């Protein structure tokens, strides 16, 4: 039988701390949250592996180190309102829920959303509002947001989501290379009404379905 508590400590000490994850509140949240509860029974044994975990239909639970570094770079604050796009089974939303005031989680896969909702309820997470919708469209009705996490790699961050950033807001995701090369985690910040981005670190995160930009016309 897997000792999940030990596996969780080993993940924090062996994967996160050596890879520049230093935020004490974030490390505490990850160290307390049972990641295995957000996976199907047959995949619980790999919950703390240093890799993305396939969930089916082209979806993955993000590698722990990549997710943790994205959240750390968002610099979540206790009074922040957060959006998680492509929230899957709810793990990233559950972490953010321990660091911010409220989280809106958008998911278009009904099975993932239903399972995530049940897990959040069982764990007593009450400040996450799970919303059915297209992740690349975000949830404008509940915005704007101080923090936005896109929980997967995208070729391009949609204008619809960027427009949901509050002034001073931060957005983090992995920007995939269309050629299949290694993606790069990015942080986008809105200042003075203008949103600009910068690269953070390399990440091999799988691309999310539905975030492919429309083809450009060529002449």
N, C-alpha and C. Protein backbone atom coordinates (compact mmCIF):
# COMPACT_ATOMS: atom_id res chain seq x y z
N UNK A 1 0.85 -1.21 0.00
CA UNK A 1 0.00 0.00 0.00
C UNK A 1 0.88 1.25 0.00
N UNK A 2 0.54 2.20 -0.86
CA UNK A 2 1.32 3.43 -0.96
C UNK A 2 1.11 4.31 0.27
N UNK A 3 2.21 4.79 0.82
CA UNK A 3 2.14 5.76 1.91
C UNK A 3 2.07 7.13 1.26
N UNK A 4 0.85 7.63 1.05
CA UNK A 4 0.69 8.88 0.32
C UNK A 4 1.25 10.08 1.07
N UNK A 5 1.15 10.07 2.38
CA UNK A 5 1.69 11.19 3.16
C UNK A 5 3.21 11.28 2.98
N UNK A 6 3.88 10.12 2.99
CA UNK A 6 5.32 10.10 2.78
C UNK A 6 5.65 10.52 1.35
N UNK A 7 4.88 10.02 0.38
CA UNK A 7 5.11 10.39 -1.02
C UNK A 7 4.94 11.89 -1.22
N UNK A 8 3.98 12.47 -0.52
CA UNK A 8 3.74 13.91 -0.63
C UNK A 8 4.91 14.69 -0.06
N UNK A 9 5.43 14.27 1.08
CA UNK A 9 6.60 14.94 1.66
C UNK A 9 7.80 14.82 0.74
N UNK A 10 7.98 13.64 0.17
CA UNK A 10 9.11 13.43 -0.75
C UNK A 10 8.98 14.30 -1.99
N UNK A 11 7.74 14.48 -2.47
CA UNK A 11 7.53 15.35 -3.62
C UNK A 11 7.94 16.79 -3.29
N UNK A 12 7.49 17.27 -2.14
CA UNK A 12 7.82 18.64 -1.75
C UNK A 12 9.33 18.81 -1.58
N UNK A 13 9.97 17.87 -0.90
CA UNK A 13 11.39 18.00 -0.60
C UNK A 13 12.30 17.61 -1.77
N UNK A 14 11.82 16.70 -2.63
CA UNK A 14 12.68 16.21 -3.71
C UNK A 14 12.41 16.83 -5.07
N UNK A 15 11.18 17.34 -5.29
CA UNK A 15 10.84 17.92 -6.59
C UNK A 15 10.66 19.44 -6.53
N UNK A 16 10.03 19.92 -5.48
CA UNK A 16 9.67 21.34 -5.45
C UNK A 16 10.78 22.23 -4.89
N UNK A 17 11.23 21.92 -3.69
CA UNK A 17 12.26 22.77 -3.08
C UNK A 17 13.52 22.87 -3.92
N UNK A 18 14.03 21.77 -4.50
CA UNK A 18 15.24 21.90 -5.32
C UNK A 18 15.02 22.66 -6.62
N UNK A 19 13.77 22.90 -7.00
CA UNK A 19 13.46 23.60 -8.25
C UNK A 19 12.85 24.97 -7.99
N UNK A 20 13.37 25.64 -6.98
CA UNK A 20 13.08 27.05 -6.72
C UNK A 20 11.65 27.34 -6.28
N UNK A 21 10.97 26.34 -5.76
CA UNK A 21 9.67 26.60 -5.15
C UNK A 21 9.94 26.88 -3.68
N UNK A 22 9.80 28.15 -3.28
CA UNK A 22 10.23 28.57 -1.95
C UNK A 22 9.11 29.21 -1.13
N UNK A 23 7.97 29.53 -1.77
CA UNK A 23 6.90 30.20 -1.06
C UNK A 23 6.33 29.30 0.03
N UNK A 24 6.42 29.75 1.28
CA UNK A 24 6.05 28.91 2.42
C UNK A 24 4.58 28.52 2.40
N UNK A 25 3.70 29.47 2.10
CA UNK A 25 2.26 29.17 2.08
C UNK A 25 1.93 28.17 0.98
N UNK A 26 2.56 28.32 -0.17
CA UNK A 26 2.33 27.39 -1.28
C UNK A 26 2.83 26.00 -0.93
N UNK A 27 4.02 25.90 -0.37
CA UNK A 27 4.57 24.60 0.02
C UNK A 27 3.68 23.94 1.08
N UNK A 28 3.15 24.73 1.99
CA UNK A 28 2.27 24.18 3.02
C UNK A 28 0.99 23.65 2.39
N UNK A 29 0.43 24.41 1.45
CA UNK A 29 -0.81 23.97 0.79
C UNK A 29 -0.60 22.67 0.04
N UNK A 30 0.49 22.59 -0.72
CA UNK A 30 0.77 21.37 -1.48
C UNK A 30 1.09 20.22 -0.54
N UNK A 31 1.77 20.52 0.54
CA UNK A 31 2.14 19.47 1.49
C UNK A 31 0.96 18.90 2.25
N UNK A 32 -0.14 19.66 2.31
CA UNK A 32 -1.33 19.20 3.05
C UNK A 32 -2.40 18.61 2.13
N UNK A 33 -2.42 19.02 0.87
CA UNK A 33 -3.50 18.63 -0.03
C UNK A 33 -3.24 17.24 -0.62
N UNK A 34 -4.15 16.29 -0.46
CA UNK A 34 -3.93 14.93 -0.96
C UNK A 34 -4.12 14.85 -2.48
N UNK A 35 -3.04 15.00 -3.21
CA UNK A 35 -3.07 15.00 -4.68
C UNK A 35 -3.71 13.72 -5.23
N UNK A 36 -3.51 12.61 -4.54
CA UNK A 36 -4.04 11.33 -5.02
C UNK A 36 -5.57 11.33 -5.08
N UNK A 37 -6.21 12.17 -4.27
CA UNK A 37 -7.68 12.23 -4.27
C UNK A 37 -8.23 12.80 -5.57
N UNK A 38 -7.39 13.46 -6.34
CA UNK A 38 -7.82 14.08 -7.59
C UNK A 38 -7.54 13.20 -8.81
N UNK A 39 -7.21 11.94 -8.57
CA UNK A 39 -6.91 11.01 -9.66
C UNK A 39 -7.81 9.78 -9.57
N UNK A 40 -8.05 9.12 -10.72
CA UNK A 40 -8.81 7.86 -10.70
C UNK A 40 -8.07 6.82 -9.87
N UNK A 41 -8.80 5.83 -9.40
CA UNK A 41 -8.23 4.80 -8.53
C UNK A 41 -6.98 4.17 -9.13
N UNK A 42 -7.00 3.88 -10.43
CA UNK A 42 -5.87 3.20 -11.06
C UNK A 42 -4.64 4.05 -11.24
N UNK A 43 -4.75 5.35 -10.99
CA UNK A 43 -3.60 6.25 -11.17
C UNK A 43 -3.11 6.88 -9.86
N UNK A 44 -3.76 6.53 -8.76
CA UNK A 44 -3.36 7.13 -7.49
C UNK A 44 -1.91 6.84 -7.14
N UNK A 45 -1.40 5.69 -7.55
CA UNK A 45 -0.03 5.31 -7.20
C UNK A 45 1.02 6.21 -7.85
N UNK A 46 0.64 6.94 -8.93
CA UNK A 46 1.60 7.82 -9.60
C UNK A 46 1.28 9.29 -9.33
N UNK A 47 0.48 9.54 -8.31
CA UNK A 47 0.06 10.91 -8.00
C UNK A 47 1.24 11.83 -7.75
N UNK A 48 2.32 11.30 -7.19
CA UNK A 48 3.45 12.14 -6.81
C UNK A 48 4.67 11.93 -7.69
N UNK A 49 4.45 11.34 -8.86
CA UNK A 49 5.53 11.17 -9.83
C UNK A 49 5.92 12.52 -10.43
N UNK A 50 7.15 12.62 -10.86
CA UNK A 50 7.68 13.85 -11.44
C UNK A 50 7.32 13.90 -12.92
N UNK A 51 6.01 13.93 -13.21
CA UNK A 51 5.57 13.86 -14.60
C UNK A 51 4.09 14.28 -14.68
N UNK A 52 3.64 14.57 -15.91
CA UNK A 52 2.22 14.80 -16.14
C UNK A 52 1.50 13.45 -16.10
N UNK A 53 0.27 13.45 -15.57
CA UNK A 53 -0.49 12.21 -15.44
C UNK A 53 -1.68 12.26 -16.40
N UNK A 54 -1.79 11.30 -17.33
CA UNK A 54 -2.90 11.33 -18.30
C UNK A 54 -4.25 11.06 -17.63
N UNK A 55 -5.24 11.87 -18.02
CA UNK A 55 -6.60 11.73 -17.49
C UNK A 55 -7.58 11.25 -18.55
N UNK A 56 -7.12 11.07 -19.79
CA UNK A 56 -7.98 10.67 -20.89
C UNK A 56 -8.47 11.86 -21.69
N UNK A 57 -8.89 11.59 -22.94
CA UNK A 57 -9.41 12.64 -23.83
C UNK A 57 -8.43 13.79 -24.03
N UNK A 58 -7.14 13.45 -24.03
CA UNK A 58 -6.13 14.46 -24.28
C UNK A 58 -5.84 15.39 -23.13
N UNK A 59 -6.30 15.04 -21.94
CA UNK A 59 -6.12 15.89 -20.77
C UNK A 59 -5.14 15.25 -19.79
N UNK A 60 -4.45 16.11 -19.03
CA UNK A 60 -3.42 15.66 -18.10
C UNK A 60 -3.51 16.45 -16.80
N UNK A 61 -3.09 15.80 -15.71
CA UNK A 61 -2.81 16.54 -14.49
C UNK A 61 -1.36 17.01 -14.59
N UNK A 62 -1.14 18.29 -14.39
CA UNK A 62 0.18 18.89 -14.59
C UNK A 62 1.24 18.30 -13.67
N UNK A 63 2.45 18.22 -14.19
CA UNK A 63 3.61 17.85 -13.38
C UNK A 63 3.69 18.76 -12.15
N UNK A 64 3.91 18.20 -10.96
CA UNK A 64 3.87 19.00 -9.73
C UNK A 64 4.80 20.22 -9.75
N UNK A 65 6.02 20.04 -10.22
CA UNK A 65 6.97 21.15 -10.20
C UNK A 65 6.53 22.29 -11.10
N UNK A 66 6.02 21.97 -12.29
CA UNK A 66 5.57 23.01 -13.22
C UNK A 66 4.39 23.76 -12.64
N UNK A 67 3.41 23.04 -12.13
CA UNK A 67 2.23 23.68 -11.53
C UNK A 67 2.62 24.56 -10.37
N UNK A 68 3.49 24.06 -9.50
CA UNK A 68 3.90 24.83 -8.33
C UNK A 68 4.64 26.11 -8.72
N UNK A 69 5.50 26.02 -9.71
CA UNK A 69 6.24 27.22 -10.13
C UNK A 69 5.33 28.23 -10.81
N UNK A 70 4.36 27.76 -11.57
CA UNK A 70 3.39 28.68 -12.17
C UNK A 70 2.63 29.43 -11.08
N UNK A 71 2.13 28.69 -10.10
CA UNK A 71 1.36 29.32 -9.02
C UNK A 71 2.23 30.28 -8.22
N UNK A 72 3.47 29.90 -7.95
CA UNK A 72 4.37 30.78 -7.20
C UNK A 72 4.59 32.09 -7.94
N UNK A 73 4.77 32.02 -9.26
CA UNK A 73 4.99 33.23 -10.04
C UNK A 73 3.75 34.12 -10.12
N UNK A 74 2.59 33.55 -9.88
CA UNK A 74 1.37 34.35 -9.83
C UNK A 74 1.31 35.23 -8.58
N UNK A 75 2.11 34.91 -7.58
CA UNK A 75 2.13 35.65 -6.31
C UNK A 75 0.72 35.85 -5.75
N UNK A 76 -0.02 34.75 -5.55
CA UNK A 76 -1.39 34.87 -5.04
C UNK A 76 -1.43 35.50 -3.65
N UNK A 77 -2.44 36.37 -3.46
CA UNK A 77 -2.61 37.08 -2.19
C UNK A 77 -3.95 36.71 -1.57
N UNK A 78 -4.06 36.81 -0.23
CA UNK A 78 -5.28 36.35 0.46
C UNK A 78 -6.57 37.00 -0.01
N UNK A 79 -6.53 38.21 -0.54
CA UNK A 79 -7.75 38.88 -0.98
C UNK A 79 -8.00 38.75 -2.48
N UNK A 80 -7.17 37.97 -3.17
CA UNK A 80 -7.29 37.85 -4.63
C UNK A 80 -8.50 37.02 -5.04
N UNK A 81 -9.02 37.35 -6.22
CA UNK A 81 -10.00 36.52 -6.92
C UNK A 81 -9.25 35.83 -8.06
N UNK A 82 -9.38 34.50 -8.14
CA UNK A 82 -8.61 33.72 -9.11
C UNK A 82 -9.52 33.01 -10.10
N UNK A 83 -9.00 32.83 -11.30
CA UNK A 83 -9.65 32.02 -12.32
C UNK A 83 -8.71 30.89 -12.70
N UNK A 84 -9.23 29.67 -12.77
CA UNK A 84 -8.47 28.53 -13.30
C UNK A 84 -9.19 28.05 -14.55
N UNK A 85 -8.53 28.16 -15.68
CA UNK A 85 -9.09 27.70 -16.95
C UNK A 85 -8.59 26.30 -17.24
N UNK A 86 -9.48 25.41 -17.68
CA UNK A 86 -9.16 24.00 -17.88
C UNK A 86 -8.76 23.38 -16.55
N UNK A 87 -9.67 23.46 -15.59
CA UNK A 87 -9.37 23.06 -14.21
C UNK A 87 -9.33 21.55 -14.00
N UNK A 88 -9.77 20.77 -15.00
CA UNK A 88 -9.68 19.32 -14.89
C UNK A 88 -10.39 18.76 -13.68
N UNK A 89 -9.67 17.97 -12.89
CA UNK A 89 -10.24 17.38 -11.68
C UNK A 89 -10.12 18.28 -10.46
N UNK A 90 -9.62 19.50 -10.65
CA UNK A 90 -9.70 20.49 -9.58
C UNK A 90 -8.49 20.65 -8.69
N UNK A 91 -7.38 19.97 -9.01
CA UNK A 91 -6.23 20.04 -8.10
C UNK A 91 -5.63 21.44 -8.02
N UNK A 92 -5.38 22.06 -9.18
CA UNK A 92 -4.81 23.41 -9.18
C UNK A 92 -5.74 24.40 -8.50
N UNK A 93 -7.04 24.27 -8.75
CA UNK A 93 -8.01 25.16 -8.10
C UNK A 93 -8.00 24.97 -6.58
N UNK A 94 -7.84 23.73 -6.14
CA UNK A 94 -7.82 23.46 -4.70
C UNK A 94 -6.59 24.06 -4.04
N UNK A 95 -5.45 24.04 -4.73
CA UNK A 95 -4.24 24.68 -4.18
C UNK A 95 -4.47 26.18 -4.06
N UNK A 96 -4.93 26.79 -5.16
CA UNK A 96 -5.16 28.24 -5.13
C UNK A 96 -6.20 28.63 -4.08
N UNK A 97 -7.17 27.76 -3.85
CA UNK A 97 -8.22 28.06 -2.88
C UNK A 97 -7.66 28.27 -1.47
N UNK A 98 -6.50 27.68 -1.20
CA UNK A 98 -5.87 27.84 0.11
C UNK A 98 -5.05 29.13 0.19
N UNK A 99 -4.87 29.80 -0.96
CA UNK A 99 -3.98 30.96 -1.01
C UNK A 99 -4.70 32.25 -1.33
N UNK A 100 -5.93 32.17 -1.87
CA UNK A 100 -6.67 33.37 -2.28
C UNK A 100 -8.06 33.36 -1.65
N UNK A 101 -8.79 34.44 -1.89
CA UNK A 101 -10.13 34.56 -1.30
C UNK A 101 -11.14 33.66 -2.00
N UNK A 102 -11.11 33.64 -3.35
CA UNK A 102 -12.09 32.84 -4.09
C UNK A 102 -11.51 32.41 -5.42
N UNK A 103 -12.04 31.29 -5.94
CA UNK A 103 -11.57 30.73 -7.21
C UNK A 103 -12.78 30.39 -8.07
N UNK A 104 -12.73 30.80 -9.34
CA UNK A 104 -13.68 30.34 -10.33
C UNK A 104 -12.93 29.37 -11.23
N UNK A 105 -13.44 28.15 -11.34
CA UNK A 105 -12.78 27.11 -12.13
C UNK A 105 -13.66 26.76 -13.33
N UNK A 106 -13.08 26.85 -14.52
CA UNK A 106 -13.84 26.60 -15.75
C UNK A 106 -13.37 25.30 -16.39
N UNK A 107 -14.33 24.42 -16.69
CA UNK A 107 -14.00 23.11 -17.28
C UNK A 107 -15.11 22.72 -18.25
N UNK A 108 -14.72 22.20 -19.42
CA UNK A 108 -15.72 21.80 -20.42
C UNK A 108 -15.89 20.29 -20.53
N UNK A 109 -15.05 19.51 -19.85
CA UNK A 109 -15.21 18.06 -19.83
C UNK A 109 -16.11 17.71 -18.65
N UNK A 110 -17.32 17.25 -18.96
CA UNK A 110 -18.31 17.01 -17.91
C UNK A 110 -17.88 16.00 -16.89
N UNK A 111 -17.18 14.95 -17.31
CA UNK A 111 -16.74 13.92 -16.38
C UNK A 111 -15.68 14.46 -15.42
N UNK A 112 -14.71 15.20 -15.97
CA UNK A 112 -13.67 15.77 -15.11
C UNK A 112 -14.28 16.77 -14.13
N UNK A 113 -15.21 17.58 -14.63
CA UNK A 113 -15.82 18.59 -13.78
C UNK A 113 -16.62 17.96 -12.64
N UNK A 114 -17.39 16.93 -12.96
CA UNK A 114 -18.21 16.28 -11.94
C UNK A 114 -17.35 15.63 -10.87
N UNK A 115 -16.29 14.96 -11.30
CA UNK A 115 -15.39 14.32 -10.33
C UNK A 115 -14.69 15.36 -9.48
N UNK A 116 -14.25 16.45 -10.13
CA UNK A 116 -13.60 17.52 -9.40
C UNK A 116 -14.51 18.14 -8.37
N UNK A 117 -15.75 18.38 -8.74
CA UNK A 117 -16.72 18.96 -7.83
C UNK A 117 -16.92 18.08 -6.60
N UNK A 118 -17.01 16.77 -6.83
CA UNK A 118 -17.20 15.84 -5.72
C UNK A 118 -15.99 15.83 -4.80
N UNK A 119 -14.80 15.82 -5.39
CA UNK A 119 -13.58 15.79 -4.58
C UNK A 119 -13.44 17.06 -3.75
N UNK A 120 -13.70 18.21 -4.35
CA UNK A 120 -13.63 19.46 -3.62
C UNK A 120 -14.61 19.47 -2.45
N UNK A 121 -15.80 18.94 -2.70
CA UNK A 121 -16.82 18.87 -1.64
C UNK A 121 -16.35 17.96 -0.51
N UNK A 122 -15.82 16.80 -0.87
CA UNK A 122 -15.37 15.85 0.14
C UNK A 122 -14.22 16.40 0.98
N UNK A 123 -13.40 17.25 0.37
CA UNK A 123 -12.26 17.82 1.09
C UNK A 123 -12.63 19.12 1.82
N UNK A 124 -13.88 19.53 1.71
CA UNK A 124 -14.33 20.72 2.42
C UNK A 124 -13.85 22.02 1.83
N UNK A 125 -13.55 22.02 0.52
CA UNK A 125 -13.11 23.25 -0.16
C UNK A 125 -14.36 24.01 -0.58
N UNK A 126 -14.62 25.14 0.07
CA UNK A 126 -15.88 25.85 -0.14
C UNK A 126 -15.76 27.13 -0.95
N UNK A 127 -14.54 27.57 -1.27
CA UNK A 127 -14.37 28.84 -1.97
C UNK A 127 -13.99 28.66 -3.44
N UNK A 128 -14.37 27.52 -4.02
CA UNK A 128 -14.19 27.28 -5.45
C UNK A 128 -15.56 27.16 -6.10
N UNK A 129 -15.79 27.97 -7.11
CA UNK A 129 -17.03 27.90 -7.90
C UNK A 129 -16.68 27.23 -9.23
N UNK A 130 -17.16 26.02 -9.43
CA UNK A 130 -16.88 25.28 -10.67
C UNK A 130 -17.92 25.64 -11.71
N UNK A 131 -17.46 26.07 -12.88
CA UNK A 131 -18.34 26.54 -13.94
C UNK A 131 -18.12 25.73 -15.21
N UNK A 132 -19.20 25.29 -15.83
CA UNK A 132 -19.10 24.60 -17.11
C UNK A 132 -18.95 25.64 -18.21
N UNK A 133 -17.97 25.44 -19.09
CA UNK A 133 -17.76 26.39 -20.17
C UNK A 133 -16.49 26.08 -20.92
N UNK A 134 -16.26 26.81 -22.01
CA UNK A 134 -15.05 26.63 -22.80
C UNK A 134 -13.89 27.33 -22.09
N UNK A 135 -12.85 26.59 -21.72
CA UNK A 135 -11.76 27.20 -20.96
C UNK A 135 -11.10 28.39 -21.64
N UNK A 136 -11.02 28.37 -22.98
CA UNK A 136 -10.36 29.48 -23.66
C UNK A 136 -11.18 30.76 -23.63
N UNK A 137 -12.44 30.65 -23.15
CA UNK A 137 -13.28 31.84 -23.01
C UNK A 137 -13.32 32.35 -21.57
N UNK A 138 -12.74 31.59 -20.64
CA UNK A 138 -12.73 32.02 -19.25
C UNK A 138 -14.13 32.09 -18.66
N UNK A 139 -14.33 33.05 -17.77
CA UNK A 139 -15.64 33.25 -17.11
C UNK A 139 -15.80 34.74 -16.84
N UNK A 140 -16.09 35.48 -17.91
CA UNK A 140 -16.11 36.95 -17.84
C UNK A 140 -17.14 37.47 -16.84
N UNK A 141 -18.25 36.77 -16.70
CA UNK A 141 -19.32 37.25 -15.84
C UNK A 141 -18.89 37.37 -14.38
N UNK A 142 -17.90 36.58 -13.99
CA UNK A 142 -17.44 36.61 -12.59
C UNK A 142 -16.16 37.42 -12.42
N UNK A 143 -15.61 37.94 -13.52
CA UNK A 143 -14.36 38.68 -13.47
C UNK A 143 -14.55 40.13 -13.07
N UNK A 144 -13.49 40.94 -13.11
CA UNK A 144 -12.13 40.54 -13.51
C UNK A 144 -11.40 39.80 -12.39
N UNK A 145 -10.23 39.24 -12.75
CA UNK A 145 -9.49 38.39 -11.82
C UNK A 145 -8.10 38.95 -11.55
N UNK A 146 -7.67 38.80 -10.30
CA UNK A 146 -6.32 39.21 -9.93
C UNK A 146 -5.29 38.17 -10.38
N UNK A 147 -5.74 36.92 -10.44
CA UNK A 147 -4.86 35.80 -10.77
C UNK A 147 -5.59 34.88 -11.74
N UNK A 148 -4.91 34.50 -12.83
CA UNK A 148 -5.46 33.54 -13.76
C UNK A 148 -4.43 32.45 -14.02
N UNK A 149 -4.84 31.21 -13.84
CA UNK A 149 -4.00 30.06 -14.13
C UNK A 149 -4.66 29.26 -15.26
N UNK A 150 -3.94 29.04 -16.35
CA UNK A 150 -4.40 28.11 -17.38
C UNK A 150 -3.66 26.81 -17.12
N UNK A 151 -4.42 25.78 -16.75
CA UNK A 151 -3.81 24.56 -16.23
C UNK A 151 -3.48 23.58 -17.36
N UNK A 152 -2.51 23.97 -18.16
CA UNK A 152 -2.05 23.18 -19.29
C UNK A 152 -1.31 24.09 -20.24
N UNK A 153 -0.80 23.54 -21.34
CA UNK A 153 -0.06 24.34 -22.31
C UNK A 153 -0.99 24.80 -23.42
N UNK A 154 -0.76 26.02 -23.90
CA UNK A 154 -1.56 26.60 -24.98
C UNK A 154 -0.61 27.17 -26.02
N UNK A 155 -1.05 27.16 -27.28
CA UNK A 155 -0.23 27.79 -28.31
C UNK A 155 -0.34 29.30 -28.24
N UNK A 156 -1.47 29.76 -27.75
CA UNK A 156 -1.71 31.20 -27.68
C UNK A 156 -2.73 31.46 -26.59
N UNK A 157 -2.49 32.48 -25.77
CA UNK A 157 -3.46 32.86 -24.75
C UNK A 157 -4.55 33.68 -25.43
N UNK A 158 -5.79 33.26 -25.28
CA UNK A 158 -6.89 33.93 -25.98
C UNK A 158 -7.10 35.35 -25.46
N UNK A 159 -7.50 36.23 -26.36
CA UNK A 159 -7.81 37.60 -25.97
C UNK A 159 -8.94 37.63 -24.94
N UNK A 160 -9.89 36.69 -25.06
CA UNK A 160 -11.01 36.65 -24.12
C UNK A 160 -10.53 36.51 -22.69
N UNK A 161 -9.49 35.68 -22.48
CA UNK A 161 -8.97 35.48 -21.13
C UNK A 161 -8.12 36.67 -20.69
N UNK A 162 -7.28 37.17 -21.56
CA UNK A 162 -6.44 38.31 -21.22
C UNK A 162 -7.31 39.49 -20.78
N UNK A 163 -8.44 39.68 -21.45
CA UNK A 163 -9.33 40.79 -21.12
C UNK A 163 -9.98 40.65 -19.75
N UNK A 164 -9.89 39.47 -19.14
CA UNK A 164 -10.49 39.24 -17.83
C UNK A 164 -9.51 39.52 -16.68
N UNK A 165 -8.29 39.95 -17.01
CA UNK A 165 -7.34 40.33 -15.97
C UNK A 165 -7.71 41.68 -15.38
N UNK A 166 -7.70 41.78 -14.07
CA UNK A 166 -7.85 43.06 -13.39
C UNK A 166 -6.56 43.86 -13.55
N UNK A 167 -6.65 45.14 -13.32
CA UNK A 167 -5.44 45.96 -13.32
C UNK A 167 -4.48 45.42 -12.24
N UNK A 168 -3.24 45.19 -12.64
CA UNK A 168 -2.26 44.58 -11.75
C UNK A 168 -2.36 43.07 -11.69
N UNK A 169 -3.28 42.49 -12.49
CA UNK A 169 -3.49 41.05 -12.47
C UNK A 169 -2.36 40.28 -13.14
N UNK A 170 -2.25 39.00 -12.76
CA UNK A 170 -1.19 38.12 -13.28
C UNK A 170 -1.81 36.86 -13.87
N UNK A 171 -1.27 36.44 -14.99
CA UNK A 171 -1.72 35.21 -15.65
C UNK A 171 -0.50 34.33 -15.91
N UNK A 172 -0.62 33.04 -15.61
CA UNK A 172 0.49 32.12 -15.84
C UNK A 172 0.01 30.88 -16.59
N UNK A 173 0.82 30.46 -17.54
CA UNK A 173 0.55 29.23 -18.28
C UNK A 173 1.83 28.81 -18.98
N UNK A 174 1.77 27.66 -19.65
CA UNK A 174 2.87 27.22 -20.51
C UNK A 174 2.47 27.50 -21.94
N UNK A 175 3.33 28.18 -22.68
CA UNK A 175 3.09 28.44 -24.09
C UNK A 175 3.81 27.37 -24.90
N UNK A 176 3.01 26.57 -25.61
CA UNK A 176 3.56 25.45 -26.37
C UNK A 176 4.15 25.93 -27.69
N UNK A 177 5.14 25.20 -28.16
CA UNK A 177 5.72 25.48 -29.48
C UNK A 177 4.96 24.65 -30.50
N UNK A 178 4.38 25.26 -31.53
CA UNK A 178 3.61 24.51 -32.53
C UNK A 178 4.42 23.41 -33.22
N UNK A 179 5.73 23.57 -33.24
CA UNK A 179 6.58 22.58 -33.91
C UNK A 179 6.76 21.32 -33.08
N UNK A 180 6.31 21.36 -31.83
CA UNK A 180 6.49 20.21 -30.95
C UNK A 180 7.70 20.33 -30.05
N UNK A 181 8.46 21.41 -30.18
CA UNK A 181 9.61 21.63 -29.31
C UNK A 181 9.12 21.93 -27.89
N UNK A 182 10.07 21.96 -26.96
CA UNK A 182 9.74 22.19 -25.56
C UNK A 182 9.02 23.52 -25.38
N UNK A 183 7.96 23.51 -24.59
CA UNK A 183 7.23 24.74 -24.30
C UNK A 183 7.95 25.58 -23.27
N UNK A 184 7.43 26.79 -23.06
CA UNK A 184 8.03 27.72 -22.11
C UNK A 184 6.93 28.32 -21.23
N UNK A 185 7.10 28.20 -19.93
CA UNK A 185 6.16 28.84 -19.00
C UNK A 185 6.29 30.35 -19.11
N UNK A 186 5.14 31.04 -19.09
CA UNK A 186 5.13 32.49 -19.21
C UNK A 186 4.29 33.10 -18.09
N UNK A 187 4.67 34.32 -17.71
CA UNK A 187 3.88 35.14 -16.81
C UNK A 187 3.45 36.39 -17.55
N UNK A 188 2.14 36.69 -17.53
CA UNK A 188 1.60 37.89 -18.14
C UNK A 188 1.08 38.80 -17.04
N UNK A 189 1.39 40.09 -17.14
CA UNK A 189 0.98 41.05 -16.11
C UNK A 189 0.30 42.23 -16.79
N UNK A 190 -0.82 42.70 -16.21
CA UNK A 190 -1.53 43.85 -16.73
C UNK A 190 -1.19 45.08 -15.91
N UNK A 191 -0.58 46.06 -16.56
CA UNK A 191 -0.23 47.31 -15.90
C UNK A 191 -0.62 48.46 -16.81
N UNK A 192 -1.32 49.44 -16.26
CA UNK A 192 -1.74 50.58 -17.06
C UNK A 192 -2.62 50.20 -18.22
N UNK A 193 -3.39 49.13 -18.04
CA UNK A 193 -4.29 48.67 -19.09
C UNK A 193 -3.64 47.87 -20.19
N UNK A 194 -2.33 47.66 -20.08
CA UNK A 194 -1.59 46.91 -21.10
C UNK A 194 -1.06 45.62 -20.49
N UNK A 195 -1.26 44.50 -21.19
CA UNK A 195 -0.78 43.21 -20.71
C UNK A 195 0.45 42.79 -21.49
N UNK A 196 1.52 42.50 -20.77
CA UNK A 196 2.76 42.05 -21.40
C UNK A 196 3.22 40.77 -20.72
N UNK A 197 3.96 39.95 -21.45
CA UNK A 197 4.40 38.67 -20.92
C UNK A 197 5.91 38.50 -20.95
N UNK A 198 6.38 37.58 -20.13
CA UNK A 198 7.81 37.25 -20.14
C UNK A 198 7.98 35.77 -19.87
N UNK A 199 9.02 35.15 -20.44
CA UNK A 199 9.26 33.72 -20.22
C UNK A 199 9.80 33.46 -18.82
N UNK A 200 9.46 32.28 -18.27
CA UNK A 200 9.91 31.91 -16.94
C UNK A 200 10.87 30.74 -16.96
N UNK A 201 10.45 29.61 -17.55
CA UNK A 201 11.28 28.42 -17.57
C UNK A 201 10.73 27.44 -18.61
N UNK A 202 11.57 26.51 -19.04
CA UNK A 202 11.13 25.49 -20.01
C UNK A 202 10.22 24.48 -19.34
N UNK A 203 9.24 23.99 -20.10
CA UNK A 203 8.29 23.01 -19.55
C UNK A 203 7.75 22.15 -20.69
N UNK A 204 7.73 20.85 -20.48
CA UNK A 204 7.22 19.93 -21.49
C UNK A 204 5.76 19.58 -21.30
N UNK A 205 4.98 20.52 -20.80
CA UNK A 205 3.56 20.29 -20.50
C UNK A 205 2.76 20.02 -21.78
N UNK A 206 1.91 18.98 -21.80
CA UNK A 206 1.09 18.71 -22.98
C UNK A 206 0.11 19.85 -23.27
N UNK A 207 -0.19 20.04 -24.55
CA UNK A 207 -1.10 21.10 -24.96
C UNK A 207 -2.54 20.74 -24.62
N UNK A 208 -3.31 21.76 -24.28
CA UNK A 208 -4.73 21.59 -23.99
C UNK A 208 -5.54 21.57 -25.28
N UNK A 209 -6.48 20.66 -25.42
CA UNK A 209 -7.40 20.73 -26.56
C UNK A 209 -8.23 22.01 -26.48
N UNK A 210 -8.52 22.61 -27.62
CA UNK A 210 -9.40 23.77 -27.64
C UNK A 210 -8.70 25.11 -27.53
N UNK A 211 -7.38 25.11 -27.36
CA UNK A 211 -6.66 26.37 -27.27
C UNK A 211 -5.81 26.65 -28.51
N UNK A 212 -6.04 25.90 -29.60
CA UNK A 212 -5.28 26.12 -30.83
C UNK A 212 -5.80 27.37 -31.51
N UNK A 213 -4.91 28.31 -31.83
CA UNK A 213 -5.37 29.53 -32.48
C UNK A 213 -5.90 29.24 -33.87
N UNK A 214 -6.83 30.07 -34.38
CA UNK A 214 -7.35 29.85 -35.71
C UNK A 214 -6.26 30.00 -36.76
N UNK A 215 -6.35 29.29 -37.88
CA UNK A 215 -5.30 29.40 -38.90
C UNK A 215 -5.27 30.81 -39.49
N UNK A 216 -4.05 31.25 -39.80
CA UNK A 216 -3.87 32.58 -40.40
C UNK A 216 -3.97 32.46 -41.92
N UNK A 217 -4.55 33.48 -42.53
CA UNK A 217 -4.64 33.49 -43.99
C UNK A 217 -3.26 33.77 -44.58
N UNK A 218 -2.94 33.08 -45.63
CA UNK A 218 -1.70 33.34 -46.34
C UNK A 218 -2.02 33.67 -47.80
N UNK A 219 -1.19 34.49 -48.39
CA UNK A 219 -1.44 34.93 -49.76
C UNK A 219 -0.20 34.63 -50.62
